[in-house]
Amino acid sequence: MKTYIKSFPEEPSFKQKGLNGFVCPLENEVIGNLTLERVHKGHDKYYTNTESSKIYYVIQGQGRFKIKEELYKVHKGDIIEIPPNTEFVFEGQMELLLIMNPKFNPNCEIFGKENDLYNLEP
């Protein structure tokens, strides 16, 4: 029987130094992954996905994204679209909804240098 109402797990599906991620499994393979990220600091390193697009929606809080060397301030209600093969990093205190398409594949991840946004003026 299909489950039409979904929820995020109580415990994080993954943890990083600067955020906790909660993955909601979906039956719809077209959408990919749906993840809630509770950011208390940010990404540790610059990140590129060679296959997937990432669409972030800022549910609450604020922060900064650095995408292809351009700095963007983000806050509640903003949508950030990051195409495949685009290097980015973020920092802040925010809750993000992430839609990733196609779904996550660890073989498509590239990690770069350390997050330098922590050293920039707010």
Protein backbone atom coordinates (compact mmCIF):
# COMPACT_ATOMS: atom_id res chain seq x y z
CA MET A 1 0.00 0.00 0.00
CA LYS A 2 1.30 3.47 -0.90
CA THR A 3 2.07 5.98 1.80
CA TYR A 4 0.86 9.39 0.67
CA ILE A 5 1.84 11.30 3.79
CA LYS A 6 5.58 11.43 4.46
CA SER A 7 7.66 12.82 7.28
CA PHE A 8 11.32 13.32 8.01
CA PRO A 9 12.94 10.93 10.51
CA GLU A 10 13.43 12.03 14.11
CA GLU A 11 17.16 11.23 14.03
CA PRO A 12 19.53 12.60 11.37
CA SER A 13 20.13 10.40 8.32
CA PHE A 14 23.62 11.92 8.09
CA LYS A 15 25.75 14.32 10.10
CA GLN A 16 28.51 16.70 9.11
CA LYS A 17 30.43 19.11 11.34
CA GLY A 18 28.23 22.03 10.32
CA LEU A 19 24.82 20.44 9.65
CA ASN A 20 22.50 17.50 10.19
CA GLY A 21 20.54 16.00 7.30
CA PHE A 22 17.19 14.22 7.42
CA VAL A 23 16.30 12.26 4.26
CA CYS A 24 12.68 11.51 3.37
CA PRO A 25 12.48 8.49 1.05
CA LEU A 26 10.18 9.04 -1.91
CA GLU A 27 8.53 6.55 -4.21
CA ASN A 28 8.72 9.03 -7.09
CA GLU A 29 12.10 8.40 -8.74
CA VAL A 30 11.66 11.43 -11.02
CA ILE A 31 11.99 13.86 -8.12
CA GLY A 32 15.11 12.27 -6.64
CA ASN A 33 15.84 13.05 -2.98
CA LEU A 34 14.03 15.25 -0.50
CA THR A 35 16.23 16.28 2.44
CA LEU A 36 15.84 18.63 5.37
CA GLU A 37 19.16 20.19 6.41
CA ARG A 38 19.47 21.86 9.80
CA VAL A 39 22.51 24.06 9.38
CA HIS A 40 24.28 25.31 12.50
CA LYS A 41 27.50 26.26 10.73
CA GLY A 42 27.63 25.15 7.09
CA HIS A 43 29.47 22.88 4.68
CA ASP A 44 32.98 21.91 5.74
CA LYS A 45 34.31 22.06 2.17
CA TYR A 46 33.38 23.30 -1.27
CA TYR A 47 31.18 20.76 -3.03
CA THR A 48 30.36 19.81 -6.62
CA ASN A 49 27.95 17.13 -7.79
CA THR A 50 28.72 15.96 -11.33
CA GLU A 51 25.24 14.55 -11.98
CA SER A 52 22.53 16.15 -9.85
CA SER A 53 20.87 19.53 -9.70
CA LYS A 54 20.22 20.84 -6.20
CA ILE A 55 17.36 23.14 -5.30
CA TYR A 56 17.45 24.59 -1.79
CA TYR A 57 14.54 26.41 -0.15
CA VAL A 58 15.34 28.44 2.97
CA ILE A 59 12.63 27.52 5.46
CA GLN A 60 14.03 29.71 8.23
CA GLY A 61 17.18 31.54 9.22
CA GLN A 62 19.81 33.16 7.05
CA GLY A 63 23.23 32.53 5.64
CA ARG A 64 25.48 32.87 2.63
CA PHE A 65 26.09 30.73 -0.43
CA LYS A 66 29.21 31.05 -2.56
CA ILE A 67 28.45 29.69 -6.03
CA LYS A 68 31.12 29.85 -8.73
CA GLU A 69 33.03 32.50 -6.71
CA GLU A 70 29.91 34.74 -6.40
CA LEU A 71 28.66 35.46 -2.86
CA TYR A 72 24.90 35.51 -2.17
CA LYS A 73 23.14 36.37 1.08
CA VAL A 74 20.08 34.17 1.61
CA HIS A 75 17.18 34.30 4.04
CA LYS A 76 13.77 32.75 4.71
CA GLY A 77 11.81 32.25 1.49
CA ASP A 78 14.77 32.22 -0.92
CA ILE A 79 15.23 29.44 -3.48
CA ILE A 80 18.75 28.55 -4.59
CA GLU A 81 19.22 26.46 -7.75
CA ILE A 82 22.60 24.81 -8.30
CA PRO A 83 23.07 22.92 -11.58
CA PRO A 84 25.34 19.88 -11.93
CA ASN A 85 29.08 20.55 -12.18
CA THR A 86 28.77 23.80 -10.21
CA GLU A 87 31.07 24.30 -7.22
CA PHE A 88 29.46 25.84 -4.13
CA VAL A 89 29.64 26.15 -0.37
CA PHE A 90 27.37 27.72 2.27
CA GLU A 91 27.38 28.91 5.86
CA GLY A 92 24.89 30.26 8.34
CA GLN A 93 22.21 29.22 10.75
CA MET A 94 19.24 28.09 8.72
CA GLU A 95 16.89 25.27 7.92
CA LEU A 96 17.01 24.21 4.27
CA LEU A 97 14.75 21.97 2.22
CA LEU A 98 16.82 20.28 -0.49
CA ILE A 99 15.42 18.67 -3.62
CA MET A 100 18.09 16.77 -5.53
CA ASN A 101 17.54 15.40 -9.01
CA PRO A 102 18.53 12.76 -9.95
CA LYS A 103 18.75 11.20 -6.51
CA PHE A 104 21.96 11.22 -4.51
CA ASN A 105 24.86 9.13 -5.81
CA PRO A 106 28.06 9.23 -3.71
CA ASN A 107 30.14 8.46 -6.81
CA CYS A 108 29.20 11.89 -8.22
CA GLU A 109 30.58 13.96 -5.32
CA ILE A 110 33.70 16.13 -5.55
CA PHE A 111 34.98 17.89 -2.43
CA GLY A 112 37.28 20.90 -2.73
CA LYS A 113 39.04 23.32 -0.44
CA GLU A 114 37.95 24.21 3.08
CA ASN A 115 34.99 26.56 3.55
CA ASP A 116 36.44 30.09 3.51
CA LEU A 117 33.12 31.82 4.26
CA TYR A 118 33.75 31.40 7.99
CA ASN A 119 36.64 33.87 7.66
CA LEU A 120 34.71 36.59 5.78
CA GLU A 121 33.03 39.58 7.38
CA PRO A 122 29.27 39.04 7.91
